[in-house]
Amino acid sequence: MTNRKLLSEAKLWLVAIPVLLWTLIPIYHIFLFSISTKDSAFSGTLWPDKPTLH
């Protein structure tokens, strides 16, 4: 691989990773919210204590 091609690919990854995180974090949050009970959904904790599928 040439230096120019390697640099181009590195730039692509430097843009792709933040965009991927920007996209996936809200989806992850929605999933966690959907498996949380009402009490834990509004408790302000980052991880649900007792996740359910109800």
Protein backbone atom coordinates (compact mmCIF):
# COMPACT_ATOMS: atom_id res chain seq x y z
CA MET A 1 0.00 0.00 0.00
CA THR A 2 1.31 3.43 -0.83
CA ASN A 3 1.49 6.20 1.73
CA ARG A 4 -1.14 8.22 -0.11
CA LYS A 5 -3.60 5.34 -0.15
CA LEU A 6 -2.91 4.57 3.51
CA LEU A 7 -3.45 8.22 4.47
CA SER A 8 -6.68 8.31 2.48
CA GLU A 9 -7.96 5.21 4.26
CA ALA A 10 -6.98 6.63 7.65
CA LYS A 11 -8.94 9.81 6.92
CA LEU A 12 -11.93 7.71 5.94
CA TRP A 13 -11.82 5.84 9.26
CA LEU A 14 -11.40 9.09 11.22
CA VAL A 15 -14.67 10.28 9.70
CA ALA A 16 -16.49 6.93 9.70
CA ILE A 17 -15.99 6.07 13.37
CA PRO A 18 -17.61 9.24 14.81
CA VAL A 19 -20.46 9.01 12.29
CA LEU A 20 -21.02 5.38 13.23
CA LEU A 21 -21.06 6.23 16.94
CA TRP A 22 -23.37 9.20 16.29
CA THR A 23 -25.77 6.80 14.56
CA LEU A 24 -25.59 3.77 16.86
CA ILE A 25 -25.65 5.38 20.31
CA PRO A 26 -29.25 6.64 19.98
CA ILE A 27 -30.35 3.24 18.68
CA TYR A 28 -28.63 1.59 21.65
CA HIS A 29 -30.34 4.04 24.02
CA ILE A 30 -33.75 3.32 22.49
CA PHE A 31 -33.15 -0.41 22.87
CA LEU A 32 -32.16 -0.04 26.54
CA PHE A 33 -35.17 2.18 27.17
CA SER A 34 -37.49 -0.36 25.56
CA ILE A 35 -36.37 -3.24 27.81
CA SER A 36 -36.43 -1.18 31.01
CA THR A 37 -39.23 -1.12 33.56
CA LYS A 38 -41.06 2.17 34.09
CA ASP A 39 -39.25 2.83 37.35
CA SER A 40 -35.79 2.19 35.98
CA ALA A 41 -36.51 4.00 32.70
CA PHE A 42 -36.95 7.28 34.54
CA SER A 43 -34.47 6.72 37.38
CA GLY A 44 -31.53 8.40 35.64
CA THR A 45 -29.15 5.43 35.73
CA LEU A 46 -27.14 4.49 32.68
CA TRP A 47 -27.76 0.71 32.81
CA PRO A 48 -31.15 -0.86 33.61
CA ASP A 49 -31.13 -2.93 36.81
CA LYS A 50 -33.73 -5.48 35.71
CA PRO A 51 -34.21 -5.45 31.92
CA THR A 52 -37.39 -7.11 30.70
CA LEU A 53 -39.15 -7.66 27.42
CA HIS A 54 -42.59 -6.62 28.77
